[in-house]
PDB file of all heavy atoms in Angstrom:
ATOM      1  N   ALA A   1       4.549  -1.754   4.143  1.00  0.00           N
ATOM      2  CA  ALA A   1       4.081  -0.815   3.108  1.00  0.00           C
ATOM      3  C   ALA A   1       2.564  -0.784   3.207  1.00  0.00           C
ATOM      4  O   ALA A   1       1.864  -1.551   2.541  1.00  0.00           O
ATOM      5  CB  ALA A   1       4.528  -1.269   1.726  1.00  0.00           C
ATOM      6  N   PHE A   2       2.058   0.075   4.074  1.00  0.00           N
ATOM      7  CA  PHE A   2       0.636   0.123   4.351  1.00  0.00           C
ATOM      8  C   PHE A   2       0.025   1.428   3.847  1.00  0.00           C
ATOM      9  O   PHE A   2       0.689   2.473   3.814  1.00  0.00           O
ATOM     10  CB  PHE A   2       0.374  -0.013   5.844  1.00  0.00           C
ATOM     11  CG  PHE A   2       0.749  -1.364   6.407  1.00  0.00           C
ATOM     12  CD1 PHE A   2       1.486  -1.457   7.577  1.00  0.00           C
ATOM     13  CD2 PHE A   2       0.367  -2.537   5.768  1.00  0.00           C
ATOM     14  CE1 PHE A   2       1.833  -2.687   8.103  1.00  0.00           C
ATOM     15  CE2 PHE A   2       0.711  -3.772   6.278  1.00  0.00           C
ATOM     16  CZ  PHE A   2       1.447  -3.857   7.452  1.00  0.00           C
ATOM     17  N   GLY A   3      -1.258   1.361   3.504  1.00  0.00           N
ATOM     18  CA  GLY A   3      -1.975   2.566   3.098  1.00  0.00           C
ATOM     19  C   GLY A   3      -1.268   3.293   1.976  1.00  0.00           C
ATOM     20  O   GLY A   3      -0.990   2.723   0.909  1.00  0.00           O
ATOM     21  N   GLY A   4      -0.921   4.542   2.219  1.00  0.00           N
ATOM     22  CA  GLY A   4      -0.237   5.340   1.213  1.00  0.00           C
ATOM     23  C   GLY A   4       1.104   4.765   0.804  1.00  0.00           C
ATOM     24  O   GLY A   4       1.573   5.024  -0.309  1.00  0.00           O
ATOM     25  N   GLY A   5       1.722   3.972   1.680  1.00  0.00           N
ATOM     26  CA  GLY A   5       2.978   3.321   1.307  1.00  0.00           C
ATOM     27  C   GLY A   5       2.791   2.319   0.189  1.00  0.00           C
ATOM     28  O   GLY A   5       3.599   2.252  -0.747  1.00  0.00           O
ATOM     29  N   LEU A   6       1.700   1.529   0.266  1.00  0.00           N
ATOM     30  CA  LEU A   6       1.407   0.603  -0.829  1.00  0.00           C
ATOM     31  C   LEU A   6       0.933   1.368  -2.055  1.00  0.00           C
ATOM     32  O   LEU A   6       1.285   1.012  -3.192  1.00  0.00           O
ATOM     33  CB  LEU A   6       0.362  -0.421  -0.398  1.00  0.00           C
ATOM     34  CG  LEU A   6      -0.063  -1.437  -1.471  1.00  0.00           C
ATOM     35  CD1 LEU A   6       1.138  -2.140  -2.104  1.00  0.00           C
ATOM     36  CD2 LEU A   6      -1.040  -2.458  -0.897  1.00  0.00           C
ATOM     37  N   GLU A   7       0.156   2.429  -1.862  1.00  0.00           N
ATOM     38  CA  GLU A   7      -0.279   3.229  -3.004  1.00  0.00           C
ATOM     39  C   GLU A   7       0.919   3.797  -3.752  1.00  0.00           C
ATOM     40  O   GLU A   7       0.912   3.873  -4.988  1.00  0.00           O
ATOM     41  CB  GLU A   7      -1.209   4.348  -2.541  1.00  0.00           C
ATOM     42  CG  GLU A   7      -2.566   3.846  -2.081  1.00  0.00           C
ATOM     43  CD  GLU A   7      -3.480   4.958  -1.634  1.00  0.00           C
ATOM     44  OE1 GLU A   7      -3.146   5.652  -0.651  1.00  0.00           O
ATOM     45  OE2 GLU A   7      -4.548   5.149  -2.253  1.00  0.00           O
ATOM     46  N   LEU A   8       1.945   4.197  -3.024  1.00  0.00           N
ATOM     47  CA  LEU A   8       3.175   4.657  -3.660  1.00  0.00           C
ATOM     48  C   LEU A   8       3.793   3.545  -4.494  1.00  0.00           C
ATOM     49  O   LEU A   8       4.160   3.742  -5.657  1.00  0.00           O
ATOM     50  CB  LEU A   8       4.161   5.124  -2.585  1.00  0.00           C
ATOM     51  CG  LEU A   8       5.606   5.412  -3.005  1.00  0.00           C
ATOM     52  CD1 LEU A   8       5.655   6.521  -4.043  1.00  0.00           C
ATOM     53  CD2 LEU A   8       6.445   5.783  -1.789  1.00  0.00           C
ATOM     54  N   ALA A   9       3.897   2.348  -3.928  1.00  0.00           N
ATOM     55  CA  ALA A   9       4.502   1.222  -4.644  1.00  0.00           C
ATOM     56  C   ALA A   9       3.686   0.823  -5.870  1.00  0.00           C
ATOM     57  O   ALA A   9       4.247   0.384  -6.881  1.00  0.00           O
ATOM     58  CB  ALA A   9       4.649   0.030  -3.706  1.00  0.00           C
ATOM     59  N   LEU A  10       2.368   0.988  -5.803  1.00  0.00           N
ATOM     60  CA  LEU A  10       1.516   0.622  -6.935  1.00  0.00           C
ATOM     61  C   LEU A  10       1.761   1.506  -8.151  1.00  0.00           C
ATOM     62  O   LEU A  10       1.397   1.133  -9.273  1.00  0.00           O
ATOM     63  CB  LEU A  10       0.036   0.695  -6.537  1.00  0.00           C
ATOM     64  CG  LEU A  10      -0.462  -0.375  -5.565  1.00  0.00           C
ATOM     65  CD1 LEU A  10      -1.898  -0.079  -5.140  1.00  0.00           C
ATOM     66  CD2 LEU A  10      -0.365  -1.773  -6.186  1.00  0.00           C
ATOM     67  N   CYS A  11       2.381   2.659  -7.947  1.00  0.00           N
ATOM     68  CA  CYS A  11       2.675   3.549  -9.066  1.00  0.00           C
ATOM     69  C   CYS A  11       3.928   3.143  -9.821  1.00  0.00           C
ATOM     70  O   CYS A  11       4.201   3.668 -10.907  1.00  0.00           O
ATOM     71  CB  CYS A  11       2.832   4.982  -8.571  1.00  0.00           C
ATOM     72  SG  CYS A  11       1.330   5.653  -7.859  1.00  0.00           S
ATOM     73  N   ALA A  12       4.706   2.236  -9.249  1.00  0.00           N
ATOM     74  CA  ALA A  12       5.901   1.746  -9.929  1.00  0.00           C
ATOM     75  C   ALA A  12       5.506   0.780 -11.039  1.00  0.00           C
ATOM     76  O   ALA A  12       4.430   0.170 -11.013  1.00  0.00           O
ATOM     77  CB  ALA A  12       6.829   1.057  -8.931  1.00  0.00           C
ATOM     78  N   ASP A  13       6.392   0.621 -12.002  1.00  0.00           N
ATOM     79  CA  ASP A  13       6.152  -0.347 -13.073  1.00  0.00           C
ATOM     80  C   ASP A  13       6.352  -1.776 -12.584  1.00  0.00           C
ATOM     81  O   ASP A  13       5.688  -2.696 -13.059  1.00  0.00           O
ATOM     82  CB  ASP A  13       7.097  -0.062 -14.246  1.00  0.00           C
ATOM     83  CG  ASP A  13       6.873   1.312 -14.839  1.00  0.00           C
ATOM     84  OD1 ASP A  13       5.784   1.546 -15.396  1.00  0.00           O
ATOM     85  OD2 ASP A  13       7.772   2.166 -14.729  1.00  0.00           O
ATOM     86  N   LEU A  14       7.287  -1.945 -11.658  1.00  0.00           N
ATOM     87  CA  LEU A  14       7.604  -3.253 -11.111  1.00  0.00           C
ATOM     88  C   LEU A  14       7.789  -3.136  -9.606  1.00  0.00           C
ATOM     89  O   LEU A  14       8.308  -2.127  -9.118  1.00  0.00           O
ATOM     90  CB  LEU A  14       8.885  -3.815 -11.745  1.00  0.00           C
ATOM     91  CG  LEU A  14       8.867  -4.019 -13.258  1.00  0.00           C
ATOM     92  CD1 LEU A  14      10.277  -4.268 -13.783  1.00  0.00           C
ATOM     93  CD2 LEU A  14       7.941  -5.163 -13.635  1.00  0.00           C
ATOM     94  N   ARG A  15       7.395  -4.195  -8.870  1.00  0.00           N
ATOM     95  CA  ARG A  15       7.520  -4.210  -7.420  1.00  0.00           C
ATOM     96  C   ARG A  15       8.265  -5.469  -6.985  1.00  0.00           C
ATOM     97  O   ARG A  15       7.838  -6.580  -7.304  1.00  0.00           O
ATOM     98  CB  ARG A  15       6.132  -4.173  -6.754  1.00  0.00           C
ATOM     99  CG  ARG A  15       5.484  -2.804  -6.748  1.00  0.00           C
ATOM    100  CD  ARG A  15       3.974  -2.886  -6.609  1.00  0.00           C
ATOM    101  NE  ARG A  15       3.392  -3.536  -7.786  1.00  0.00           N
ATOM    102  CZ  ARG A  15       3.200  -2.945  -8.946  1.00  0.00           C
ATOM    103  NH1 ARG A  15       3.531  -1.683  -9.106  1.00  0.00           N
ATOM    104  NH2 ARG A  15       2.689  -3.619  -9.962  1.00  0.00           N
ATOM    105  N   VAL A  16       9.358  -5.250  -6.251  1.00  0.00           N
ATOM    106  CA  VAL A  16      10.179  -6.327  -5.707  1.00  0.00           C
ATOM    107  C   VAL A  16      10.147  -6.201  -4.192  1.00  0.00           C
ATOM    108  O   VAL A  16      10.322  -5.100  -3.659  1.00  0.00           O
ATOM    109  CB  VAL A  16      11.629  -6.236  -6.210  1.00  0.00           C
ATOM    110  CG1 VAL A  16      12.483  -7.327  -5.598  1.00  0.00           C
ATOM    111  CG2 VAL A  16      11.676  -6.294  -7.734  1.00  0.00           C
ATOM    112  N   ALA A  17       9.938  -7.311  -3.484  1.00  0.00           N
ATOM    113  CA  ALA A  17       9.845  -7.223  -2.028  1.00  0.00           C
ATOM    114  C   ALA A  17      10.624  -8.343  -1.363  1.00  0.00           C
ATOM    115  O   ALA A  17      10.706  -9.461  -1.877  1.00  0.00           O
ATOM    116  CB  ALA A  17       8.387  -7.276  -1.575  1.00  0.00           C
ATOM    117  N   GLY A  18      11.171  -8.015  -0.215  1.00  0.00           N
ATOM    118  CA  GLY A  18      11.783  -9.023   0.623  1.00  0.00           C
ATOM    119  C   GLY A  18      10.718  -9.909   1.250  1.00  0.00           C
ATOM    120  O   GLY A  18       9.566  -9.494   1.426  1.00  0.00           O
ATOM    121  N   ALA A  19      11.098 -11.107   1.608  1.00  0.00           N
ATOM    122  CA  ALA A  19      10.135 -12.106   2.082  1.00  0.00           C
ATOM    123  C   ALA A  19       9.428 -11.701   3.367  1.00  0.00           C
ATOM    124  O   ALA A  19       8.356 -12.241   3.681  1.00  0.00           O
ATOM    125  CB  ALA A  19      10.852 -13.442   2.278  1.00  0.00           C
ATOM    126  N   GLU A  20       9.988 -10.792   4.129  1.00  0.00           N
ATOM    127  CA  GLU A  20       9.355 -10.371   5.373  1.00  0.00           C
ATOM    128  C   GLU A  20       8.543  -9.088   5.217  1.00  0.00           C
ATOM    129  O   GLU A  20       8.054  -8.536   6.211  1.00  0.00           O
ATOM    130  CB  GLU A  20      10.414 -10.200   6.458  1.00  0.00           C
ATOM    131  CG  GLU A  20      11.103 -11.512   6.827  1.00  0.00           C
ATOM    132  CD  GLU A  20      12.164 -11.356   7.896  1.00  0.00           C
ATOM    133  OE1 GLU A  20      12.344 -10.206   8.391  1.00  0.00           O
ATOM    134  OE2 GLU A  20      12.816 -12.357   8.233  1.00  0.00           O
ATOM    135  N   ALA A  21       8.380  -8.609   3.986  1.00  0.00           N
ATOM    136  CA  ALA A  21       7.570  -7.413   3.751  1.00  0.00           C
ATOM    137  C   ALA A  21       6.109  -7.700   4.061  1.00  0.00           C
ATOM    138  O   ALA A  21       5.626  -8.835   3.933  1.00  0.00           O
ATOM    139  CB  ALA A  21       7.714  -6.951   2.309  1.00  0.00           C
ATOM    140  N   ARG A  22       5.397  -6.660   4.482  1.00  0.00           N
ATOM    141  CA  ARG A  22       3.956  -6.747   4.747  1.00  0.00           C
ATOM    142  C   ARG A  22       3.287  -5.569   4.048  1.00  0.00           C
ATOM    143  O   ARG A  22       3.777  -4.435   4.113  1.00  0.00           O
ATOM    144  CB  ARG A  22       3.685  -6.698   6.254  1.00  0.00           C
ATOM    145  CG  ARG A  22       4.204  -7.917   7.008  1.00  0.00           C
ATOM    146  CD  ARG A  22       4.263  -7.672   8.505  1.00  0.00           C
ATOM    147  NE  ARG A  22       5.271  -6.671   8.828  1.00  0.00           N
ATOM    148  CZ  ARG A  22       5.053  -5.607   9.607  1.00  0.00           C
ATOM    149  NH1 ARG A  22       3.858  -5.378  10.114  1.00  0.00           N
ATOM    150  NH2 ARG A  22       6.021  -4.755   9.858  1.00  0.00           N
ATOM    151  N   LEU A  23       2.165  -5.858   3.378  1.00  0.00           N
ATOM    152  CA  LEU A  23       1.531  -4.847   2.542  1.00  0.00           C
ATOM    153  C   LEU A  23       0.030  -4.841   2.755  1.00  0.00           C
ATOM    154  O   LEU A  23      -0.561  -5.876   3.070  1.00  0.00           O
ATOM    155  CB  LEU A  23       1.811  -5.121   1.060  1.00  0.00           C
ATOM    156  CG  LEU A  23       3.251  -5.320   0.609  1.00  0.00           C
ATOM    157  CD1 LEU A  23       3.615  -6.798   0.634  1.00  0.00           C
ATOM    158  CD2 LEU A  23       3.464  -4.772  -0.777  1.00  0.00           C
ATOM    159  N   GLY A  24      -0.594  -3.695   2.543  1.00  0.00           N
ATOM    160  CA  GLY A  24      -2.041  -3.640   2.601  1.00  0.00           C
ATOM    161  C   GLY A  24      -2.588  -2.246   2.454  1.00  0.00           C
ATOM    162  O   GLY A  24      -1.944  -1.265   2.842  1.00  0.00           O
ATOM    163  N   LEU A  25      -3.771  -2.168   1.872  1.00  0.00           N
ATOM    164  CA  LEU A  25      -4.545  -0.928   1.868  1.00  0.00           C
ATOM    165  C   LEU A  25      -5.478  -1.016   3.063  1.00  0.00           C
ATOM    166  O   LEU A  25      -6.542  -1.639   2.993  1.00  0.00           O
ATOM    167  CB  LEU A  25      -5.310  -0.777   0.547  1.00  0.00           C
ATOM    168  CG  LEU A  25      -4.438  -0.614  -0.704  1.00  0.00           C
ATOM    169  CD1 LEU A  25      -5.307  -0.478  -1.957  1.00  0.00           C
ATOM    170  CD2 LEU A  25      -3.505   0.587  -0.583  1.00  0.00           C
ATOM    171  N   VAL A  26      -5.093  -0.411   4.154  1.00  0.00           N
ATOM    172  CA  VAL A  26      -5.734  -0.631   5.454  1.00  0.00           C
ATOM    173  C   VAL A  26      -6.667   0.514   5.863  1.00  0.00           C
ATOM    174  O   VAL A  26      -7.124   0.580   7.003  1.00  0.00           O
ATOM    175  CB  VAL A  26      -4.655  -0.835   6.540  1.00  0.00           C
ATOM    176  CG1 VAL A  26      -3.815  -2.058   6.220  1.00  0.00           C
ATOM    177  CG2 VAL A  26      -3.747   0.392   6.649  1.00  0.00           C
ATOM    178  N   GLU A  27      -6.966   1.401   4.934  1.00  0.00           N
ATOM    179  CA  GLU A  27      -7.665   2.634   5.286  1.00  0.00           C
ATOM    180  C   GLU A  27      -9.059   2.416   5.864  1.00  0.00           C
ATOM    181  O   GLU A  27      -9.500   3.191   6.724  1.00  0.00           O
ATOM    182  CB  GLU A  27      -7.752   3.553   4.055  1.00  0.00           C
ATOM    183  CG  GLU A  27      -6.439   4.236   3.691  1.00  0.00           C
ATOM    184  CD  GLU A  27      -5.566   3.397   2.758  1.00  0.00           C
ATOM    185  OE1 GLU A  27      -5.864   2.189   2.591  1.00  0.00           O
ATOM    186  OE2 GLU A  27      -4.604   3.950   2.215  1.00  0.00           O
ATOM    187  N   THR A  28      -9.802   1.397   5.401  1.00  0.00           N
ATOM    188  CA  THR A  28     -11.164   1.229   5.916  1.00  0.00           C
ATOM    189  C   THR A  28     -11.178   0.927   7.414  1.00  0.00           C
ATOM    190  O   THR A  28     -12.181   1.182   8.084  1.00  0.00           O
ATOM    191  CB  THR A  28     -11.919   0.125   5.152  1.00  0.00           C
ATOM    192  OG1 THR A  28     -11.189  -1.105   5.232  1.00  0.00           O
ATOM    193  CG2 THR A  28     -12.131   0.517   3.697  1.00  0.00           C
ATOM    194  N   ALA A  29     -10.075   0.403   7.945  1.00  0.00           N
ATOM    195  CA  ALA A  29      -9.987   0.192   9.395  1.00  0.00           C
ATOM    196  C   ALA A  29      -9.952   1.513  10.152  1.00  0.00           C
ATOM    197  O   ALA A  29     -10.218   1.551  11.357  1.00  0.00           O
ATOM    198  CB  ALA A  29      -8.743  -0.631   9.736  1.00  0.00           C
ATOM    199  N   LEU A  30      -9.622   2.596   9.447  1.00  0.00           N
ATOM    200  CA  LEU A  30      -9.602   3.934  10.035  1.00  0.00           C
ATOM    201  C   LEU A  30     -10.808   4.757   9.594  1.00  0.00           C
ATOM    202  O   LEU A  30     -10.834   5.973   9.760  1.00  0.00           O
ATOM    203  CB  LEU A  30      -8.313   4.661   9.640  1.00  0.00           C
ATOM    204  CG  LEU A  30      -7.011   4.014  10.130  1.00  0.00           C
ATOM    205  CD1 LEU A  30      -5.812   4.683   9.469  1.00  0.00           C
ATOM    206  CD2 LEU A  30      -6.907   4.107  11.646  1.00  0.00           C
ATOM    207  N   ALA A  31     -11.800   4.070   9.000  1.00  0.00           N
ATOM    208  CA  ALA A  31     -13.042   4.713   8.550  1.00  0.00           C
ATOM    209  C   ALA A  31     -12.817   5.693   7.406  1.00  0.00           C
ATOM    210  O   ALA A  31     -13.593   6.639   7.229  1.00  0.00           O
ATOM    211  CB  ALA A  31     -13.766   5.394   9.707  1.00  0.00           C
ATOM    212  N   ILE A  32     -11.765   5.463   6.610  1.00  0.00           N
ATOM    213  CA  ILE A  32     -11.541   6.231   5.388  1.00  0.00           C
ATOM    214  C   ILE A  32     -11.309   5.227   4.255  1.00  0.00           C
ATOM    215  O   ILE A  32     -11.413   4.008   4.466  1.00  0.00           O
ATOM    216  CB  ILE A  32     -10.345   7.202   5.514  1.00  0.00           C
ATOM    217  CG1 ILE A  32      -9.063   6.445   5.913  1.00  0.00           C
ATOM    218  CG2 ILE A  32     -10.653   8.306   6.513  1.00  0.00           C
ATOM    219  CD1 ILE A  32      -7.818   7.314   5.962  1.00  0.00           C
ATOM    220  N   ILE A  33     -11.015   5.702   3.062  1.00  0.00           N
ATOM    221  CA  ILE A  33     -10.714   4.812   1.943  1.00  0.00           C
ATOM    222  C   ILE A  33      -9.354   5.178   1.368  1.00  0.00           C
ATOM    223  O   ILE A  33      -8.849   6.277   1.605  1.00  0.00           O
ATOM    224  CB  ILE A  33     -11.794   4.884   0.838  1.00  0.00           C
ATOM    225  CG1 ILE A  33     -11.743   6.235   0.098  1.00  0.00           C
ATOM    226  CG2 ILE A  33     -13.177   4.616   1.406  1.00  0.00           C
ATOM    227  CD1 ILE A  33     -12.591   6.269  -1.167  1.00  0.00           C
ATOM    228  N   PRO A  34      -8.741   4.284   0.619  1.00  0.00           N
ATOM    229  CA  PRO A  34      -7.510   4.663  -0.085  1.00  0.00           C
ATOM    230  C   PRO A  34      -7.810   5.851  -0.995  1.00  0.00           C
ATOM    231  O   PRO A  34      -8.701   5.763  -1.840  1.00  0.00           O
ATOM    232  CB  PRO A  34      -7.152   3.406  -0.886  1.00  0.00           C
ATOM    233  CG  PRO A  34      -7.830   2.280  -0.168  1.00  0.00           C
ATOM    234  CD  PRO A  34      -9.102   2.873   0.368  1.00  0.00           C
ATOM    235  N   GLY A  35      -7.069   6.938  -0.810  1.00  0.00           N
ATOM    236  CA  GLY A  35      -7.401   8.158  -1.540  1.00  0.00           C
ATOM    237  C   GLY A  35      -6.307   8.667  -2.447  1.00  0.00           C
ATOM    238  O   GLY A  35      -6.455   9.723  -3.048  1.00  0.00           O
ATOM    239  N   ALA A  36      -5.196   7.913  -2.536  1.00  0.00           N
ATOM    240  CA  ALA A  36      -4.084   8.348  -3.392  1.00  0.00           C
ATOM    241  C   ALA A  36      -3.899   7.391  -4.562  1.00  0.00           C
ATOM    242  O   ALA A  36      -2.780   7.150  -5.009  1.00  0.00           O
ATOM    243  CB  ALA A  36      -2.803   8.465  -2.577  1.00  0.00           C
ATOM    244  N   GLY A  37      -5.016   6.837  -5.021  1.00  0.00           N
ATOM    245  CA  GLY A  37      -4.983   5.991  -6.207  1.00  0.00           C
ATOM    246  C   GLY A  37      -5.179   4.516  -5.963  1.00  0.00           C
ATOM    247  O   GLY A  37      -5.315   3.746  -6.915  1.00  0.00           O
TER     248      GLY A  37
END
């Protein structure tokens, strides 16, 4: 759940994840910023 995928999850009231999930707002590595909240 990277970039916009994590931004989508952040809009939920609750977040449940499996132990092998990986998450991050990775936009600065692409020279942009998280732009969907």
